[in-house]
Every structure is written in C-alpha cells, then in structure tokens.
C-alpha atoms as a PDB file:
ATOM      1  CA  MET A   1     -97.107  98.829 175.506  1.00  0.00           C
ATOM      2  CA  ALA A   2     -96.994 101.914 178.020  1.00  0.00           C
ATOM      3  CA  THR A   3     -98.444 102.104 181.449  1.00  0.00           C
ATOM      4  CA  PRO A   4     -98.399 105.047 183.693  1.00  0.00           C
ATOM      5  CA  THR A   5     -97.184 104.826 187.216  1.00  0.00           C
ATOM      6  CA  ALA A   6    -100.096 103.944 189.216  1.00  0.00           C
ATOM      7  CA  THR A   7     -98.107 103.575 192.575  1.00  0.00           C
ATOM      8  CA  GLY A   8     -95.857 106.141 193.858  1.00  0.00           C
ATOM      9  CA  SER A   9     -92.055 105.273 193.548  1.00  0.00           C
ATOM     10  CA  THR A  10     -90.338 103.647 190.451  1.00  0.00           C
ATOM     11  CA  TRP A  11     -86.947 101.789 190.582  1.00  0.00           C
ATOM     12  CA  ALA A  12     -85.875 101.311 186.853  1.00  0.00           C
ATOM     13  CA  PHE A  13     -83.053  99.688 185.953  1.00  0.00           C
ATOM     14  CA  ASP A  14     -81.735  97.266 183.330  1.00  0.00           C
ATOM     15  CA  ALA A  15     -81.733  93.580 183.185  1.00  0.00           C
ATOM     16  CA  ILE A  16     -81.385  90.817 180.306  1.00  0.00           C
ATOM     17  CA  GLY A  17     -80.993  93.364 177.630  1.00  0.00           C
ATOM     18  CA  THR A  18     -84.042  95.214 178.253  1.00  0.00           C
ATOM     19  CA  SER A  19     -85.476  98.072 180.752  1.00  0.00           C
ATOM     20  CA  TRP A  20     -87.275  97.413 183.852  1.00  0.00           C
ATOM     21  CA  ALA A  21     -89.234  99.562 186.146  1.00  0.00           C
ATOM     22  CA  ILE A  22     -90.924  97.971 189.421  1.00  0.00           C
ATOM     23  CA  ASP A  23     -93.734 100.401 190.740  1.00  0.00           C
ATOM     24  CA  THR A  24     -94.680 100.092 194.554  1.00  0.00           C
ATOM     25  CA  ALA A  25     -96.166 102.734 197.006  1.00  0.00           C
ATOM     26  CA  LYS A  26     -92.654 103.591 198.645  1.00  0.00           C
ATOM     27  CA  PRO A  27     -89.480 103.177 197.729  1.00  0.00           C
ATOM     28  CA  LEU A  28     -88.045  99.600 197.976  1.00  0.00           C
ATOM     29  CA  SER A  29     -85.476  98.851 200.052  1.00  0.00           C
ATOM     30  CA  SER A  30     -81.776  97.879 199.139  1.00  0.00           C
ATOM     31  CA  VAL A  31     -82.779  94.668 200.675  1.00  0.00           C
ATOM     32  CA  VAL A  32     -85.504  94.097 198.360  1.00  0.00           C
ATOM     33  CA  ARG A  33     -83.616  95.825 195.154  1.00  0.00           C
ATOM     34  CA  ASP A  34     -80.512  93.429 196.124  1.00  0.00           C
ATOM     35  CA  ALA A  35     -82.878  90.137 196.415  1.00  0.00           C
ATOM     36  CA  VAL A  36     -84.041  91.443 192.823  1.00  0.00           C
ATOM     37  CA  SER A  37     -80.929  91.721 191.253  1.00  0.00           C
ATOM     38  CA  ALA A  38     -79.851  88.379 192.724  1.00  0.00           C
ATOM     39  CA  LEU A  39     -82.736  86.663 191.249  1.00  0.00           C
ATOM     40  CA  VAL A  40     -82.269  88.202 187.680  1.00  0.00           C
ATOM     41  CA  GLU A  41     -78.269  87.301 188.159  1.00  0.00           C
ATOM     42  CA  ARG A  42     -79.102  83.737 188.714  1.00  0.00           C
ATOM     43  CA  PHE A  43     -82.090  83.501 186.267  1.00  0.00           C
ATOM     44  CA  ASP A  44     -79.612  85.106 183.355  1.00  0.00           C
ATOM     45  CA  ARG A  45     -76.595  82.612 184.401  1.00  0.00           C
ATOM     46  CA  GLU A  46     -78.775  79.988 184.025  1.00  0.00           C
ATOM     47  CA  TRP A  47     -80.800  80.591 180.804  1.00  0.00           C
ATOM     48  CA  SER A  48     -78.889  83.082 178.714  1.00  0.00           C
ATOM     49  CA  ARG A  49     -77.750  81.841 175.588  1.00  0.00           C
ATOM     50  CA  PHE A  50     -75.425  85.211 175.159  1.00  0.00           C
ATOM     51  CA  ARG A  51     -73.460  84.422 178.427  1.00  0.00           C
ATOM     52  CA  ASP A  52     -70.286  82.214 178.001  1.00  0.00           C
ATOM     53  CA  ASP A  53     -70.784  80.873 181.493  1.00  0.00           C
ATOM     54  CA  SER A  54     -74.365  80.303 181.759  1.00  0.00           C
ATOM     55  CA  ILE A  55     -75.684  76.598 181.467  1.00  0.00           C
ATOM     56  CA  VAL A  56     -77.378  76.429 178.462  1.00  0.00           C
ATOM     57  CA  THR A  57     -73.851  77.397 176.723  1.00  0.00           C
ATOM     58  CA  ALA A  58     -72.441  74.608 178.662  1.00  0.00           C
ATOM     59  CA  LEU A  59     -74.859  72.366 176.776  1.00  0.00           C
ATOM     60  CA  ALA A  60     -74.970  74.231 173.394  1.00  0.00           C
ATOM     61  CA  LYS A  61     -70.818  74.146 173.623  1.00  0.00           C
ATOM     62  CA  GLY A  62     -70.841  70.382 174.345  1.00  0.00           C
ATOM     63  CA  ARG A  63     -68.747  71.391 177.813  1.00  0.00           C
ATOM     64  CA  ALA A  64     -71.515  68.887 179.479  1.00  0.00           C
ATOM     65  CA  ALA A  65     -74.199  66.524 178.336  1.00  0.00           C
ATOM     66  CA  SER A  66     -76.320  67.170 181.583  1.00  0.00           C
ATOM     67  CA  VAL A  67     -76.614  69.695 184.402  1.00  0.00           C
ATOM     68  CA  PRO A  68     -78.133  69.949 187.353  1.00  0.00           C
ATOM     69  CA  ALA A  69     -81.892  71.220 186.503  1.00  0.00           C
ATOM     70  CA  PRO A  70     -82.415  74.855 187.243  1.00  0.00           C
ATOM     71  CA  VAL A  71     -85.307  75.545 189.226  1.00  0.00           C
ATOM     72  CA  ASP A  72     -87.326  76.760 186.567  1.00  0.00           C
ATOM     73  CA  ALA A  73     -86.801  73.936 183.997  1.00  0.00           C
ATOM     74  CA  ASP A  74     -89.818  71.935 184.631  1.00  0.00           C
ATOM     75  CA  ALA A  75     -91.739  74.987 184.755  1.00  0.00           C
ATOM     76  CA  MET A  76     -90.646  76.548 181.452  1.00  0.00           C
ATOM     77  CA  LEU A  77     -89.905  73.252 179.782  1.00  0.00           C
ATOM     78  CA  SER A  78     -93.669  71.760 180.615  1.00  0.00           C
ATOM     79  CA  LEU A  79     -94.910  75.045 178.715  1.00  0.00           C
ATOM     80  CA  TYR A  80     -92.916  74.262 175.759  1.00  0.00           C
ATOM     81  CA  ASP A  81     -94.622  70.979 175.393  1.00  0.00           C
ATOM     82  CA  GLU A  82     -98.083  72.858 175.586  1.00  0.00           C
ATOM     83  CA  LEU A  83     -97.022  75.578 173.419  1.00  0.00           C
ATOM     84  CA  ASP A  84     -95.713  72.935 170.744  1.00  0.00           C
ATOM     85  CA  ARG A  85     -98.622  70.870 170.731  1.00  0.00           C
ATOM     86  CA  ALA A  86    -100.632  73.932 169.903  1.00  0.00           C
ATOM     87  CA  THR A  87     -98.673  75.237 167.337  1.00  0.00           C
ATOM     88  CA  ALA A  88     -97.736  71.734 165.303  1.00  0.00           C
ATOM     89  CA  GLY A  89     -94.287  72.221 166.152  1.00  0.00           C
ATOM     90  CA  ALA A  90     -93.853  75.866 165.171  1.00  0.00           C
ATOM     91  CA  VAL A  91     -92.594  76.748 168.600  1.00  0.00           C
ATOM     92  CA  ASN A  92     -89.403  74.920 170.181  1.00  0.00           C
ATOM     93  CA  PRO A  93     -86.951  75.451 172.750  1.00  0.00           C
ATOM     94  CA  LEU A  94     -84.288  74.499 170.623  1.00  0.00           C
ATOM     95  CA  VAL A  95     -84.696  77.084 168.144  1.00  0.00           C
ATOM     96  CA  GLY A  96     -81.491  78.685 169.178  1.00  0.00           C
ATOM     97  CA  ASP A  97     -79.151  77.622 166.264  1.00  0.00           C
ATOM     98  CA  ALA A  98     -81.958  78.748 164.096  1.00  0.00           C
ATOM     99  CA  LEU A  99     -81.608  82.254 165.309  1.00  0.00           C
ATOM    100  CA  ALA A 100     -77.955  81.947 165.223  1.00  0.00           C
ATOM    101  CA  ARG A 101     -78.257  81.112 161.687  1.00  0.00           C
ATOM    102  CA  LEU A 102     -79.754  84.009 160.767  1.00  0.00           C
ATOM    103  CA  GLY A 103     -77.244  86.138 162.610  1.00  0.00           C
ATOM    104  CA  TYR A 104     -79.400  86.780 166.349  1.00  0.00           C
ATOM    105  CA  ASP A 105     -76.610  84.841 167.932  1.00  0.00           C
ATOM    106  CA  ALA A 106     -74.490  85.195 171.015  1.00  0.00           C
ATOM    107  CA  ARG A 107     -72.320  88.434 169.786  1.00  0.00           C
ATOM    108  CA  LEU A 108     -75.543  89.735 168.074  1.00  0.00           C
ATOM    109  CA  SER A 109     -73.680  89.851 164.601  1.00  0.00           C
ATOM    110  CA  LEU A 110     -76.884  90.110 163.189  1.00  0.00           C
ATOM    111  CA  ALA A 111     -75.010  88.595 160.010  1.00  0.00           C
ATOM    112  CA  PRO A 112     -76.673  85.286 158.302  1.00  0.00           C
ATOM    113  CA  SER A 113     -74.221  82.535 158.058  1.00  0.00           C
ATOM    114  CA  GLY A 114     -76.658  80.812 156.030  1.00  0.00           C
ATOM    115  CA  ASP A 115     -80.164  80.024 154.464  1.00  0.00           C
ATOM    116  CA  PRO A 116     -83.182  79.799 157.241  1.00  0.00           C
ATOM    117  CA  ALA A 117     -82.906  75.825 158.664  1.00  0.00           C
ATOM    118  CA  PRO A 118     -85.607  74.089 160.811  1.00  0.00           C
ATOM    119  CA  ALA A 119     -84.920  73.542 164.573  1.00  0.00           C
ATOM    120  CA  LEU A 120     -84.120  70.051 165.986  1.00  0.00           C
ATOM    121  CA  ALA A 121     -86.886  67.428 167.138  1.00  0.00           C
ATOM    122  CA  TRP A 122     -86.384  68.901 170.456  1.00  0.00           C
ATOM    123  CA  ARG A 123     -88.412  66.135 172.447  1.00  0.00           C
ATOM    124  CA  ASP A 124     -85.878  63.839 171.151  1.00  0.00           C
ATOM    125  CA  ALA A 125     -83.283  65.933 172.036  1.00  0.00           C
ATOM    126  CA  VAL A 126     -84.022  67.433 176.033  1.00  0.00           C
ATOM    127  CA  SER A 127     -84.871  65.962 178.983  1.00  0.00           C
ATOM    128  CA  TRP A 128     -85.328  67.067 182.349  1.00  0.00           C
ATOM    129  CA  ARG A 129     -85.687  64.237 184.899  1.00  0.00           C
ATOM    130  CA  ASP A 130     -84.331  62.933 188.271  1.00  0.00           C
ATOM    131  CA  GLY A 131     -83.305  66.623 188.939  1.00  0.00           C
ATOM    132  CA  ARG A 132     -81.008  66.830 185.507  1.00  0.00           C
ATOM    133  CA  LEU A 133     -81.133  68.599 182.260  1.00  0.00           C
ATOM    134  CA  SER A 134     -79.640  66.838 179.545  1.00  0.00           C
ATOM    135  CA  VAL A 135     -79.257  67.120 175.950  1.00  0.00           C
ATOM    136  CA  SER A 136     -78.521  64.213 173.845  1.00  0.00           C
ATOM    137  CA  SER A 137     -75.977  66.550 171.485  1.00  0.00           C
ATOM    138  CA  PRO A 138     -74.625  69.940 172.016  1.00  0.00           C
ATOM    139  CA  SER A 139     -78.040  72.260 171.119  1.00  0.00           C
ATOM    140  CA  VAL A 140     -78.904  75.935 171.857  1.00  0.00           C
ATOM    141  CA  ILE A 141     -81.768  76.335 174.207  1.00  0.00           C
ATOM    142  CA  ASP A 142     -83.778  79.305 173.839  1.00  0.00           C
ATOM    143  CA  VAL A 143     -86.422  79.780 176.270  1.00  0.00           C
ATOM    144  CA  GLY A 144     -87.333  83.398 174.522  1.00  0.00           C
ATOM    145  CA  ALA A 145     -90.916  82.337 174.222  1.00  0.00           C
ATOM    146  CA  LEU A 146     -91.881  82.740 177.552  1.00  0.00           C
ATOM    147  CA  GLY A 147     -88.621  83.084 179.365  1.00  0.00           C
ATOM    148  CA  LYS A 148     -89.002  86.594 180.095  1.00  0.00           C
ATOM    149  CA  GLY A 149     -92.599  86.287 181.488  1.00  0.00           C
ATOM    150  CA  ARG A 150     -91.083  83.635 184.015  1.00  0.00           C
ATOM    151  CA  LEU A 151     -88.297  85.933 185.099  1.00  0.00           C
ATOM    152  CA  VAL A 152     -91.669  88.847 185.543  1.00  0.00           C
ATOM    153  CA  ASP A 153     -93.220  86.849 187.634  1.00  0.00           C
ATOM    154  CA  LEU A 154     -90.340  85.637 190.113  1.00  0.00           C
ATOM    155  CA  VAL A 155     -89.635  89.347 190.453  1.00  0.00           C
ATOM    156  CA  LEU A 156     -93.171  90.165 191.402  1.00  0.00           C
ATOM    157  CA  ASP A 157     -92.912  87.144 193.898  1.00  0.00           C
ATOM    158  CA  THR A 158     -89.730  88.675 195.513  1.00  0.00           C
ATOM    159  CA  VAL A 159     -91.076  91.745 195.871  1.00  0.00           C
ATOM    160  CA  ARG A 160     -94.454  90.974 197.358  1.00  0.00           C
ATOM    161  CA  ALA A 161     -92.649  88.763 200.121  1.00  0.00           C
ATOM    162  CA  HIS A 162     -91.697  91.912 200.993  1.00  0.00           C
ATOM    163  CA  VAL A 163     -94.017  94.508 200.080  1.00  0.00           C
ATOM    164  CA  ASP A 164     -97.715  95.147 200.755  1.00  0.00           C
ATOM    165  CA  GLY A 165    -100.210  97.108 198.259  1.00  0.00           C
ATOM    166  CA  ASP A 166    -100.228  97.722 194.673  1.00  0.00           C
ATOM    167  CA  VAL A 167     -97.051  96.393 192.666  1.00  0.00           C
ATOM    168  CA  ILE A 168     -96.306  96.740 188.879  1.00  0.00           C
ATOM    169  CA  VAL A 169     -93.423  94.865 187.045  1.00  0.00           C
ATOM    170  CA  ASP A 170     -92.875  95.795 183.893  1.00  0.00           C
ATOM    171  CA  ALA A 171     -90.223  94.307 181.401  1.00  0.00           C
ATOM    172  CA  SER A 172     -90.744  96.447 178.638  1.00  0.00           C
ATOM    173  CA  GLY A 173     -93.475  94.552 176.837  1.00  0.00           C
ATOM    174  CA  ASP A 174     -94.185  92.199 179.744  1.00  0.00           C
ATOM    175  CA  LEU A 175     -96.484  93.538 182.265  1.00  0.00           C
ATOM    176  CA  VAL A 176     -98.195  92.181 185.582  1.00  0.00           C
ATOM    177  CA  ALA A 177     -99.962  94.231 188.162  1.00  0.00           C
ATOM    178  CA  ARG A 178    -101.433  93.063 191.496  1.00  0.00           C
ATOM    179  CA  GLY A 179    -103.684  95.807 193.232  1.00  0.00           C
ATOM    180  CA  THR A 180    -105.209  98.752 191.927  1.00  0.00           C
ATOM    181  CA  PRO A 181    -105.720  98.382 187.637  1.00  0.00           C
ATOM    182  CA  VAL A 182    -103.471  99.677 185.199  1.00  0.00           C
ATOM    183  CA  ARG A 183    -104.835 100.849 181.906  1.00  0.00           C
ATOM    184  CA  VAL A 184    -102.298  99.822 179.069  1.00  0.00           C
ATOM    185  CA  ALA A 185    -101.869 101.126 175.628  1.00  0.00           C
ATOM    186  CA  LEU A 186    -101.202  98.548 172.849  1.00  0.00           C
ATOM    187  CA  GLU A 187     -98.325 100.191 171.148  1.00  0.00           C
ATOM    188  CA  HIS A 188     -98.783 100.351 167.509  1.00  0.00           C
ATOM    189  CA  PRO A 189     -95.754  98.104 165.966  1.00  0.00           C
ATOM    190  CA  TYR A 190     -95.206 100.482 162.713  1.00  0.00           C
ATOM    191  CA  ASP A 191     -95.198 103.360 165.049  1.00  0.00           C
ATOM    192  CA  ALA A 192     -94.599 103.865 168.585  1.00  0.00           C
ATOM    193  CA  SER A 193     -96.442 107.226 168.881  1.00  0.00           C
ATOM    194  CA  LEU A 194     -99.710 105.158 167.990  1.00  0.00           C
ATOM    195  CA  ALA A 195    -101.905 102.494 169.878  1.00  0.00           C
ATOM    196  CA  ILE A 196    -104.367 100.287 168.267  1.00  0.00           C
ATOM    197  CA  GLY A 197    -105.935 100.107 171.416  1.00  0.00           C
ATOM    198  CA  VAL A 198    -106.175 100.121 175.318  1.00  0.00           C
ATOM    199  CA  VAL A 199    -106.547  97.516 177.935  1.00  0.00           C
ATOM    200  CA  THR A 200    -106.985  97.606 181.801  1.00  0.00           C
ATOM    201  CA  VAL A 201    -105.100  94.910 183.351  1.00  0.00           C
ATOM    202  CA  ALA A 202    -106.404  93.860 186.900  1.00  0.00           C
ATOM    203  CA  ASP A 203    -104.605  91.028 188.994  1.00  0.00           C
ATOM    204  CA  GLY A 204    -103.292  89.384 185.945  1.00  0.00           C
ATOM    205  CA  ALA A 205    -100.192  89.861 183.591  1.00  0.00           C
ATOM    206  CA  LEU A 206    -100.121  91.412 179.853  1.00  0.00           C
ATOM    207  CA  CYS A 207     -97.274  90.417 177.332  1.00  0.00           C
ATOM    208  CA  ALA A 208     -96.805  91.720 173.635  1.00  0.00           C
ATOM    209  CA  SER A 209     -94.221  90.383 171.097  1.00  0.00           C
ATOM    210  CA  ALA A 210     -93.693  92.343 167.800  1.00  0.00           C
ATOM    211  CA  ILE A 211     -91.539  91.559 164.945  1.00  0.00           C
ATOM    212  CA  ASN A 212     -90.108  95.556 165.228  1.00  0.00           C
ATOM    213  CA  ARG A 213     -88.476  95.015 168.157  1.00  0.00           C
ATOM    214  CA  ARG A 214     -85.506  92.667 166.948  1.00  0.00           C
ATOM    215  CA  ALA A 215     -85.135  93.275 163.506  1.00  0.00           C
ATOM    216  CA  TRP A 216     -81.879  93.310 160.897  1.00  0.00           C
ATOM    217  CA  GLY A 217     -81.052  93.126 157.525  1.00  0.00           C
ATOM    218  CA  ASP A 218     -83.573  91.871 154.774  1.00  0.00           C
ATOM    219  CA  GLY A 219     -86.730  91.066 156.511  1.00  0.00           C
ATOM    220  CA  LEU A 220     -85.230  89.364 159.667  1.00  0.00           C
ATOM    221  CA  HIS A 221     -86.751  89.502 162.809  1.00  0.00           C
ATOM    222  CA  HIS A 222     -86.618  87.293 165.939  1.00  0.00           C
ATOM    223  CA  VAL A 223     -89.743  85.443 165.686  1.00  0.00           C
ATOM    224  CA  LEU A 224     -89.411  82.346 163.722  1.00  0.00           C
ATOM    225  CA  ASP A 225     -90.765  79.270 162.659  1.00  0.00           C
ATOM    226  CA  ALA A 226     -89.301  76.466 163.800  1.00  0.00           C
ATOM    227  CA  ARG A 227     -90.485  74.116 161.237  1.00  0.00           C
ATOM    228  CA  THR A 228     -88.709  76.193 158.896  1.00  0.00           C
ATOM    229  CA  GLY A 229     -86.361  78.472 160.535  1.00  0.00           C
ATOM    230  CA  ALA A 230     -87.677  81.393 158.940  1.00  0.00           C
ATOM    231  CA  PRO A 231     -89.118  84.613 160.504  1.00  0.00           C
ATOM    232  CA  VAL A 232     -92.990  84.337 160.681  1.00  0.00           C
ATOM    233  CA  ARG A 233     -94.876  86.817 157.753  1.00  0.00           C
ATOM    234  CA  ALA A 234     -98.380  86.887 158.891  1.00  0.00           C
ATOM    235  CA  PHE A 235     -98.401  88.529 161.798  1.00  0.00           C
ATOM    236  CA  ALA A 236     -96.822  91.792 162.889  1.00  0.00           C
ATOM    237  CA  ALA A 237     -97.548  91.899 166.637  1.00  0.00           C
ATOM    238  CA  THR A 238     -99.453  89.977 169.479  1.00  0.00           C
ATOM    239  CA  TRP A 239    -100.642  91.030 172.957  1.00  0.00           C
ATOM    240  CA  ALA A 240    -102.181  88.514 175.540  1.00  0.00           C
ATOM    241  CA  LEU A 241    -103.924  88.740 178.966  1.00  0.00           C
ATOM    242  CA  ALA A 242    -103.430  85.585 181.251  1.00  0.00           C
ATOM    243  CA  ASP A 243    -103.229  84.877 185.100  1.00  0.00           C
ATOM    244  CA  THR A 244     -99.543  84.715 185.233  1.00  0.00           C
ATOM    245  CA  ALA A 245     -96.569  86.546 182.723  1.00  0.00           C
ATOM    246  CA  MET A 246     -94.953  83.690 181.851  1.00  0.00           C
ATOM    247  CA  ARG A 247     -98.307  81.795 180.212  1.00  0.00           C
ATOM    248  CA  ALA A 248     -98.997  85.542 179.053  1.00  0.00           C
ATOM    249  CA  ASP A 249     -95.571  85.469 177.318  1.00  0.00           C
ATOM    250  CA  ALA A 250     -95.859  82.374 176.138  1.00  0.00           C
ATOM    251  CA  LEU A 251     -99.485  83.111 174.488  1.00  0.00           C
ATOM    252  CA  ALA A 252     -97.947  86.215 172.820  1.00  0.00           C
ATOM    253  CA  THR A 253     -95.396  84.041 171.252  1.00  0.00           C
ATOM    254  CA  ALA A 254     -98.290  81.505 170.269  1.00  0.00           C
ATOM    255  CA  LEU A 255    -100.644  83.728 168.847  1.00  0.00           C
ATOM    256  CA  PHE A 256     -98.074  84.243 165.529  1.00  0.00           C
ATOM    257  CA  PHE A 257     -99.214  80.623 164.606  1.00  0.00           C
ATOM    258  CA  ASP A 258    -102.467  78.560 164.320  1.00  0.00           C
ATOM    259  CA  GLY A 259    -103.220  76.992 167.236  1.00  0.00           C
ATOM    260  CA  GLY A 260    -102.646  80.386 169.363  1.00  0.00           C
ATOM    261  CA  PRO A 261    -106.275  81.173 169.759  1.00  0.00           C
ATOM    262  CA  GLU A 262    -107.463  77.903 170.533  1.00  0.00           C
ATOM    263  CA  LEU A 263    -105.022  77.712 172.821  1.00  0.00           C
ATOM    264  CA  ALA A 264    -105.390  80.954 174.316  1.00  0.00           C
ATOM    265  CA  ALA A 265    -109.371  79.791 174.739  1.00  0.00           C
ATOM    266  CA  SER A 266    -108.620  76.401 176.531  1.00  0.00           C
ATOM    267  CA  TRP A 267    -106.980  78.805 179.222  1.00  0.00           C
ATOM    268  CA  ASN A 268    -109.954  81.348 179.533  1.00  0.00           C
ATOM    269  CA  ALA A 269    -106.865  83.955 178.073  1.00  0.00           C
ATOM    270  CA  HIS A 270    -107.808  87.131 176.115  1.00  0.00           C
ATOM    271  CA  TRP A 271    -105.832  88.563 173.416  1.00  0.00           C
ATOM    272  CA  VAL A 272    -105.191  90.600 170.229  1.00  0.00           C
ATOM    273  CA  ARG A 273    -102.824  90.322 167.110  1.00  0.00           C
ATOM    274  CA  MET A 274    -102.222  92.177 164.045  1.00  0.00           C
ATOM    275  CA  ARG A 275    -101.571  90.945 160.715  1.00  0.00           C
ATOM    276  CA  THR A 276     -98.776  92.455 158.811  1.00  0.00           C
ATOM    277  CA  ASP A 277    -101.140  94.202 156.360  1.00  0.00           C
ATOM    278  CA  GLY A 278    -102.835  96.154 159.620  1.00  0.00           C
ATOM    279  CA  ARG A 279    -105.749  94.350 160.027  1.00  0.00           C
ATOM    280  CA  ALA A 280    -106.378  93.414 163.617  1.00  0.00           C
ATOM    281  CA  GLU A 281    -108.033  90.506 165.401  1.00  0.00           C
ATOM    282  CA  TRP A 282    -108.883  89.582 169.011  1.00  0.00           C
ATOM    283  CA  SER A 283    -110.833  87.118 171.203  1.00  0.00           C
ATOM    284  CA  PRO A 284    -114.496  87.049 172.004  1.00  0.00           C
ATOM    285  CA  GLY A 285    -115.013  89.237 174.782  1.00  0.00           C
ATOM    286  CA  PHE A 286    -111.678  91.238 175.198  1.00  0.00           C
ATOM    287  CA  PRO A 287    -112.129  93.533 178.052  1.00  0.00           C
ATOM    288  CA  GLY A 288    -110.678  96.219 176.660  1.00  0.00           C
ATOM    289  CA  GLU A 289    -110.623  98.487 172.959  1.00  0.00           C
ATOM    290  CA  VAL A 290    -109.090  98.021 169.721  1.00  0.00           C
ATOM    291  CA  PHE A 291    -109.542 100.917 167.536  1.00  0.00           C
ATOM    292  CA  SER A 292    -110.360  98.925 164.438  1.00  0.00           C
END
C-alpha cells in the first residue's frame, strides 16, 4: 500500500519493527518528535511480546499474574471481544503461543517447534477489571490483530495536539489521514509493483494485511486461525476503511474469516479482500476502484 506525500514535509523513522512516515505541512518540531517517540516506547514496552522487559512478557513468563492495566487495555481487549464473536473464535489475543509454536516467536527463530495448536479460550484466561490486567496462568497476549492501528491513532492524536492542518500517519500498511484526501493504491500481495485497486482516504483510516508480509518455511505466515493454530489459506490480502486505524486494522484481520464482512457492515465500513487464487471481493458501495 503506497501513498503520495500530500502535505509538504515527511518525518520517516522505524518503530515496532516497521517503517513509519508522518506527513505534515511543516517539519515537526523536536518537541513533537520526542512526544511521538515516548508514546511509541511506552506502547511497545507494554504490549510487545518481542521484548523481555514488556508487561505482556512478564505475564507470559509467569513473573506476574496481574499487573496495572495499560491505558489501552480496555479499548483493545473490548474490541477483541467483538472480533472473537464476529469470527466465531477465529481471532483471539492469546494466539501468541500458537504463533511462537510455528516459529514466529520472541527471537524470530522462524523454526517451528511443533504442529499447529489452537489458542487458549481467552475469555477464561484474561481479565482487565478494576485497573488490573490479569491472566489465570502464564499466557502470551498478542495484540497484533489491531495493536498497530491503535498506535497509529495515538500517534495521530499526539501530532494533532501540536500541529494544525493536514496530517498523514503511515505505518507500512496502516494509514490514517486528516485534512486533504489521499489517493492510495492497494498493493498486489504477490507483486509489489502492481495494484489491485485504488481508493481515496478522507478523514479516516485504511489498513491492510497480507499473508506475504511475514511468511517463512513451508507455507507458514502470521495470520492464524486461533481455533486451529494454523495459517489461513482462503485469502491472501485484505484492506479495510474505517473511522479509526484501530477499527480498520481489526477489520483487516477479521476479513480473513467468515463474519468479517458482516462486522464491517455493522460498523458502516468498507473493504476489499483477495483470495489466494487471485479473485477479489469488495463491499457494496466501496468508495474506490478494484481492477477485477
């Protein structure tokens, strides 16, 4: 997914394992950059299963069974509850153990340690009440289905607290724009030089997910069905438009499964998804063009 710089100045940086670009009319001050960097560090320290010093790693390794709930816990885990119900359990924040089993572990070994295994029933294992995030037994919480979208929204809010006018925050597939509409290409998952369509993002978010972005071994990739612990096979890529990046990111995950289109309709959101055989599907009234 690619976007033109529609504003005038771009701050590019790497964070949480991916490339970011923030476009604004004028260069961001050191105060704004420091605020964004502190926000990203805080979010990563709380939610990254790839950091030994994170909160979720402490819960996963049994160093603690209960910790003060991060400020994003209710927003993200409540949305996971919607995703779980919409996809009949296919999306689950305890899929981290299943990912690690296939080699997508904290060390990024990419070496499977066993056959696919279902994720735990997370509602029985995770709670976030009374200001505490708790697990009933050591468990790997993985917020990858919507966490990057949440962070994109938070970065946007931080920038807009200091900057007026147009802002685009693009985190390599998760994009939110405020101000001037931005025309975005939908990158073909099998050939990055091609697009399967285009769409204009206007005061909203567009998020994408594809099985080729984190792929390894013999047909393994990062989009798993939590009910089986195995990679999905029906769809190769998804794109979702929503009012926030967190919701668009969540839908981009849900669209790999039955129930995703229905959830999008309930949110008045639009989407495109491409099957592994190359056929494309999209929502009624999709506000863009799909090259079918």
